[in-house]
Amino acid sequence: MSSIPAFISELIRAANEIEKLTAHEISRLLDRSVDTIREMREQTPRVDRRRARDVLIDLQVASSRARDLSPEDARDTLLDAADMIRALRIMQGDQE
């Protein structure tokens, strides 16, 4: 998997160019986000588990209905994923 900062940048870039993405590409990015958040959450002991679980559910639902998302909803969902990954990365950095 690409480095976390590179993946965050990829999500933000995709959100800013949402009209160029297919539903499949959006779904793939959201699925990668779910996997990344799960892995990072396991390594971050003080994360709010309920909030992380809610975000994961929202991302999974958005991924499964990517073809039905408006461009604005798709953009916002990709940015939410990037924000969550960034927050987890900050929490992990605080542990060191």
N, C-alpha and C. Protein backbone atom coordinates (compact mmCIF):
# COMPACT_ATOMS: atom_id res chain seq x y z
N MET A 1 0.85 -1.18 0.00
CA MET A 1 0.00 0.00 0.00
C MET A 1 0.89 1.23 0.00
N SER A 2 0.41 2.26 -0.66
CA SER A 2 1.19 3.49 -0.71
C SER A 2 1.31 4.09 0.68
N SER A 3 2.24 5.00 0.83
CA SER A 3 2.40 5.63 2.13
C SER A 3 1.14 6.42 2.48
N ILE A 4 0.94 6.63 3.76
CA ILE A 4 -0.26 7.32 4.23
C ILE A 4 -0.35 8.74 3.68
N PRO A 5 0.72 9.55 3.75
CA PRO A 5 0.60 10.90 3.19
C PRO A 5 0.26 10.89 1.70
N ALA A 6 0.83 9.95 0.96
CA ALA A 6 0.54 9.86 -0.47
C ALA A 6 -0.92 9.48 -0.70
N PHE A 7 -1.45 8.59 0.12
CA PHE A 7 -2.84 8.18 -0.04
C PHE A 7 -3.78 9.33 0.32
N ILE A 8 -3.46 10.08 1.37
CA ILE A 8 -4.27 11.25 1.72
C ILE A 8 -4.29 12.22 0.54
N SER A 9 -3.14 12.46 -0.06
CA SER A 9 -3.05 13.35 -1.22
C SER A 9 -3.87 12.81 -2.39
N GLU A 10 -3.82 11.50 -2.58
CA GLU A 10 -4.60 10.88 -3.66
C GLU A 10 -6.10 11.09 -3.44
N LEU A 11 -6.55 10.94 -2.21
CA LEU A 11 -7.97 11.15 -1.90
C LEU A 11 -8.38 12.59 -2.15
N ILE A 12 -7.55 13.53 -1.72
CA ILE A 12 -7.87 14.95 -1.90
C ILE A 12 -7.87 15.31 -3.38
N ARG A 13 -6.88 14.81 -4.10
CA ARG A 13 -6.81 15.07 -5.54
C ARG A 13 -8.05 14.50 -6.24
N ALA A 14 -8.44 13.29 -5.87
CA ALA A 14 -9.63 12.67 -6.46
C ALA A 14 -10.88 13.49 -6.16
N ALA A 15 -10.98 13.97 -4.92
CA ALA A 15 -12.14 14.79 -4.55
C ALA A 15 -12.20 16.07 -5.37
N ASN A 16 -11.04 16.64 -5.63
CA ASN A 16 -10.98 17.88 -6.41
C ASN A 16 -11.22 17.66 -7.90
N GLU A 17 -11.10 16.41 -8.35
CA GLU A 17 -11.31 16.09 -9.76
C GLU A 17 -12.42 15.05 -9.90
N ILE A 18 -13.42 15.16 -9.04
CA ILE A 18 -14.47 14.13 -8.94
C ILE A 18 -15.15 13.86 -10.28
N GLU A 19 -15.30 14.88 -11.11
CA GLU A 19 -15.99 14.69 -12.39
C GLU A 19 -15.21 13.79 -13.35
N LYS A 20 -13.93 13.58 -13.09
CA LYS A 20 -13.09 12.73 -13.95
C LYS A 20 -13.13 11.26 -13.52
N LEU A 21 -13.73 10.97 -12.37
CA LEU A 21 -13.71 9.60 -11.84
C LEU A 21 -14.96 8.83 -12.20
N THR A 22 -14.78 7.53 -12.40
CA THR A 22 -15.93 6.65 -12.59
C THR A 22 -16.43 6.19 -11.21
N ALA A 23 -17.60 5.65 -11.19
CA ALA A 23 -18.15 5.11 -9.93
C ALA A 23 -17.24 4.01 -9.39
N HIS A 24 -16.68 3.21 -10.28
CA HIS A 24 -15.77 2.14 -9.85
C HIS A 24 -14.53 2.71 -9.17
N GLU A 25 -13.97 3.77 -9.73
CA GLU A 25 -12.78 4.39 -9.14
C GLU A 25 -13.09 4.99 -7.76
N ILE A 26 -14.25 5.61 -7.65
CA ILE A 26 -14.66 6.17 -6.35
C ILE A 26 -14.82 5.04 -5.33
N SER A 27 -15.49 3.98 -5.74
CA SER A 27 -15.69 2.84 -4.85
C SER A 27 -14.36 2.23 -4.41
N ARG A 28 -13.43 2.10 -5.35
CA ARG A 28 -12.11 1.54 -5.04
C ARG A 28 -11.37 2.40 -4.02
N LEU A 29 -11.42 3.71 -4.19
CA LEU A 29 -10.77 4.62 -3.24
C LEU A 29 -11.42 4.52 -1.85
N LEU A 30 -12.73 4.42 -1.83
CA LEU A 30 -13.43 4.32 -0.54
C LEU A 30 -13.11 2.98 0.13
N ASP A 31 -13.03 1.92 -0.64
CA ASP A 31 -12.68 0.61 -0.07
C ASP A 31 -11.26 0.63 0.50
N ARG A 32 -10.33 1.26 -0.23
CA ARG A 32 -8.96 1.40 0.28
C ARG A 32 -8.95 2.22 1.57
N SER A 33 -9.80 3.24 1.61
CA SER A 33 -9.89 4.07 2.82
C SER A 33 -10.36 3.26 4.01
N VAL A 34 -11.36 2.43 3.80
CA VAL A 34 -11.88 1.57 4.87
C VAL A 34 -10.77 0.66 5.38
N ASP A 35 -10.06 0.02 4.47
CA ASP A 35 -8.95 -0.87 4.87
C ASP A 35 -7.87 -0.10 5.64
N THR A 36 -7.52 1.07 5.14
CA THR A 36 -6.48 1.88 5.78
C THR A 36 -6.92 2.32 7.17
N ILE A 37 -8.15 2.78 7.30
CA ILE A 37 -8.66 3.24 8.60
C ILE A 37 -8.70 2.08 9.59
N ARG A 38 -9.14 0.91 9.13
CA ARG A 38 -9.17 -0.27 10.01
C ARG A 38 -7.77 -0.60 10.53
N GLU A 39 -6.81 -0.64 9.62
CA GLU A 39 -5.43 -0.97 10.01
C GLU A 39 -4.88 0.08 10.97
N MET A 40 -5.10 1.33 10.67
CA MET A 40 -4.57 2.40 11.52
C MET A 40 -5.26 2.41 12.88
N ARG A 41 -6.55 2.13 12.89
CA ARG A 41 -7.30 2.11 14.15
C ARG A 41 -6.76 1.03 15.08
N GLU A 42 -6.38 -0.10 14.50
CA GLU A 42 -5.82 -1.19 15.30
C GLU A 42 -4.51 -0.78 15.97
N GLN A 43 -3.79 0.13 15.35
CA GLN A 43 -2.50 0.57 15.86
C GLN A 43 -2.59 1.83 16.73
N THR A 44 -3.81 2.34 16.91
CA THR A 44 -4.01 3.59 17.64
C THR A 44 -4.92 3.33 18.83
N PRO A 45 -4.36 3.14 20.01
CA PRO A 45 -5.16 2.73 21.16
C PRO A 45 -6.20 3.74 21.65
N ARG A 46 -5.98 5.02 21.50
CA ARG A 46 -6.92 5.95 22.10
C ARG A 46 -7.95 6.52 21.13
N VAL A 47 -8.13 5.84 20.02
CA VAL A 47 -9.12 6.28 19.04
C VAL A 47 -10.53 6.00 19.58
N ASP A 48 -11.46 6.88 19.29
CA ASP A 48 -12.87 6.69 19.67
C ASP A 48 -13.45 5.60 18.77
N ARG A 49 -13.59 4.41 19.30
CA ARG A 49 -14.00 3.24 18.50
C ARG A 49 -15.37 3.44 17.85
N ARG A 50 -16.31 4.04 18.59
CA ARG A 50 -17.64 4.22 18.01
C ARG A 50 -17.61 5.16 16.82
N ARG A 51 -16.89 6.27 16.96
CA ARG A 51 -16.80 7.23 15.85
C ARG A 51 -16.11 6.58 14.66
N ALA A 52 -15.04 5.86 14.89
CA ALA A 52 -14.33 5.19 13.80
C ALA A 52 -15.24 4.17 13.12
N ARG A 53 -16.01 3.42 13.92
CA ARG A 53 -16.92 2.42 13.35
C ARG A 53 -17.99 3.11 12.51
N ASP A 54 -18.54 4.24 13.01
CA ASP A 54 -19.55 4.98 12.24
C ASP A 54 -18.98 5.47 10.91
N VAL A 55 -17.77 5.99 10.94
CA VAL A 55 -17.13 6.46 9.71
C VAL A 55 -16.94 5.30 8.75
N LEU A 56 -16.50 4.16 9.26
CA LEU A 56 -16.31 2.99 8.40
C LEU A 56 -17.62 2.55 7.76
N ILE A 57 -18.68 2.55 8.54
CA ILE A 57 -19.99 2.16 7.99
C ILE A 57 -20.40 3.14 6.90
N ASP A 58 -20.25 4.44 7.17
CA ASP A 58 -20.61 5.45 6.18
C ASP A 58 -19.80 5.27 4.89
N LEU A 59 -18.51 5.01 5.03
CA LEU A 59 -17.66 4.83 3.85
C LEU A 59 -18.04 3.57 3.08
N GLN A 60 -18.36 2.49 3.80
CA GLN A 60 -18.76 1.25 3.13
C GLN A 60 -20.08 1.43 2.37
N VAL A 61 -21.03 2.13 2.99
CA VAL A 61 -22.31 2.38 2.31
C VAL A 61 -22.08 3.24 1.07
N ALA A 62 -21.28 4.29 1.23
CA ALA A 62 -20.99 5.15 0.08
C ALA A 62 -20.31 4.37 -1.04
N SER A 63 -19.39 3.48 -0.67
CA SER A 63 -18.70 2.68 -1.68
C SER A 63 -19.69 1.79 -2.44
N SER A 64 -20.60 1.19 -1.70
CA SER A 64 -21.55 0.26 -2.35
C SER A 64 -22.55 0.99 -3.24
N ARG A 65 -22.77 2.28 -2.99
CA ARG A 65 -23.70 3.02 -3.83
C ARG A 65 -23.02 4.17 -4.57
N ALA A 66 -21.76 3.99 -4.89
CA ALA A 66 -20.97 5.03 -5.54
C ALA A 66 -21.63 5.54 -6.82
N ARG A 67 -22.25 4.65 -7.57
CA ARG A 67 -22.87 5.09 -8.83
C ARG A 67 -24.06 6.01 -8.60
N ASP A 68 -24.64 5.97 -7.40
CA ASP A 68 -25.80 6.80 -7.08
C ASP A 68 -25.45 8.10 -6.36
N LEU A 69 -24.18 8.27 -6.00
CA LEU A 69 -23.78 9.48 -5.28
C LEU A 69 -23.72 10.68 -6.21
N SER A 70 -24.18 11.82 -5.72
CA SER A 70 -23.99 13.05 -6.49
C SER A 70 -22.50 13.38 -6.47
N PRO A 71 -22.04 14.17 -7.40
CA PRO A 71 -20.62 14.56 -7.36
C PRO A 71 -20.25 15.23 -6.03
N GLU A 72 -21.14 16.01 -5.48
CA GLU A 72 -20.88 16.69 -4.21
C GLU A 72 -20.75 15.68 -3.07
N ASP A 73 -21.65 14.70 -3.04
CA ASP A 73 -21.59 13.68 -1.99
C ASP A 73 -20.33 12.82 -2.13
N ALA A 74 -19.98 12.47 -3.36
CA ALA A 74 -18.77 11.68 -3.57
C ALA A 74 -17.55 12.47 -3.12
N ARG A 75 -17.48 13.75 -3.49
CA ARG A 75 -16.36 14.60 -3.08
C ARG A 75 -16.28 14.69 -1.56
N ASP A 76 -17.41 14.96 -0.92
CA ASP A 76 -17.42 15.09 0.53
C ASP A 76 -17.02 13.79 1.23
N THR A 77 -17.43 12.66 0.68
CA THR A 77 -17.09 11.37 1.27
C THR A 77 -15.60 11.09 1.15
N LEU A 78 -15.02 11.39 0.01
CA LEU A 78 -13.57 11.22 -0.16
C LEU A 78 -12.80 12.13 0.80
N LEU A 79 -13.28 13.36 0.97
CA LEU A 79 -12.62 14.28 1.90
C LEU A 79 -12.78 13.82 3.35
N ASP A 80 -13.94 13.25 3.68
CA ASP A 80 -14.14 12.69 5.03
C ASP A 80 -13.14 11.56 5.29
N ALA A 81 -12.95 10.71 4.29
CA ALA A 81 -11.99 9.61 4.44
C ALA A 81 -10.59 10.16 4.65
N ALA A 82 -10.21 11.16 3.87
CA ALA A 82 -8.88 11.77 4.02
C ALA A 82 -8.73 12.39 5.40
N ASP A 83 -9.78 13.06 5.89
CA ASP A 83 -9.72 13.68 7.22
C ASP A 83 -9.54 12.64 8.32
N MET A 84 -10.26 11.53 8.21
CA MET A 84 -10.16 10.48 9.23
C MET A 84 -8.77 9.86 9.23
N ILE A 85 -8.23 9.60 8.05
CA ILE A 85 -6.89 9.02 7.95
C ILE A 85 -5.86 10.00 8.50
N ARG A 86 -6.02 11.27 8.17
CA ARG A 86 -5.10 12.30 8.67
C ARG A 86 -5.16 12.36 10.20
N ALA A 87 -6.36 12.32 10.76
CA ALA A 87 -6.52 12.38 12.23
C ALA A 87 -5.87 11.17 12.89
N LEU A 88 -6.06 10.00 12.33
CA LEU A 88 -5.43 8.80 12.89
C LEU A 88 -3.91 8.88 12.80
N ARG A 89 -3.42 9.42 11.70
CA ARG A 89 -1.97 9.58 11.54
C ARG A 89 -1.41 10.52 12.61
N ILE A 90 -2.13 11.59 12.89
CA ILE A 90 -1.71 12.54 13.94
C ILE A 90 -1.69 11.83 15.29
N MET A 91 -2.74 11.05 15.58
CA MET A 91 -2.79 10.32 16.85
C MET A 91 -1.63 9.34 16.98
N GLN A 92 -1.30 8.68 15.87
CA GLN A 92 -0.17 7.76 15.90
C GLN A 92 1.13 8.50 16.12
N GLY A 93 1.26 9.66 15.56
CA GLY A 93 2.46 10.46 15.75
C GLY A 93 2.63 10.92 17.18
N ASP A 94 1.51 11.15 17.88
CA ASP A 94 1.53 11.55 19.27
C ASP A 94 2.04 10.43 20.17
N GLN A 95 1.91 9.19 19.72
CA GLN A 95 2.34 8.05 20.53
C GLN A 95 3.85 7.90 20.54
N GLU A 96 4.51 8.42 19.52
CA GLU A 96 5.95 8.19 19.38
C GLU A 96 6.75 9.05 20.33
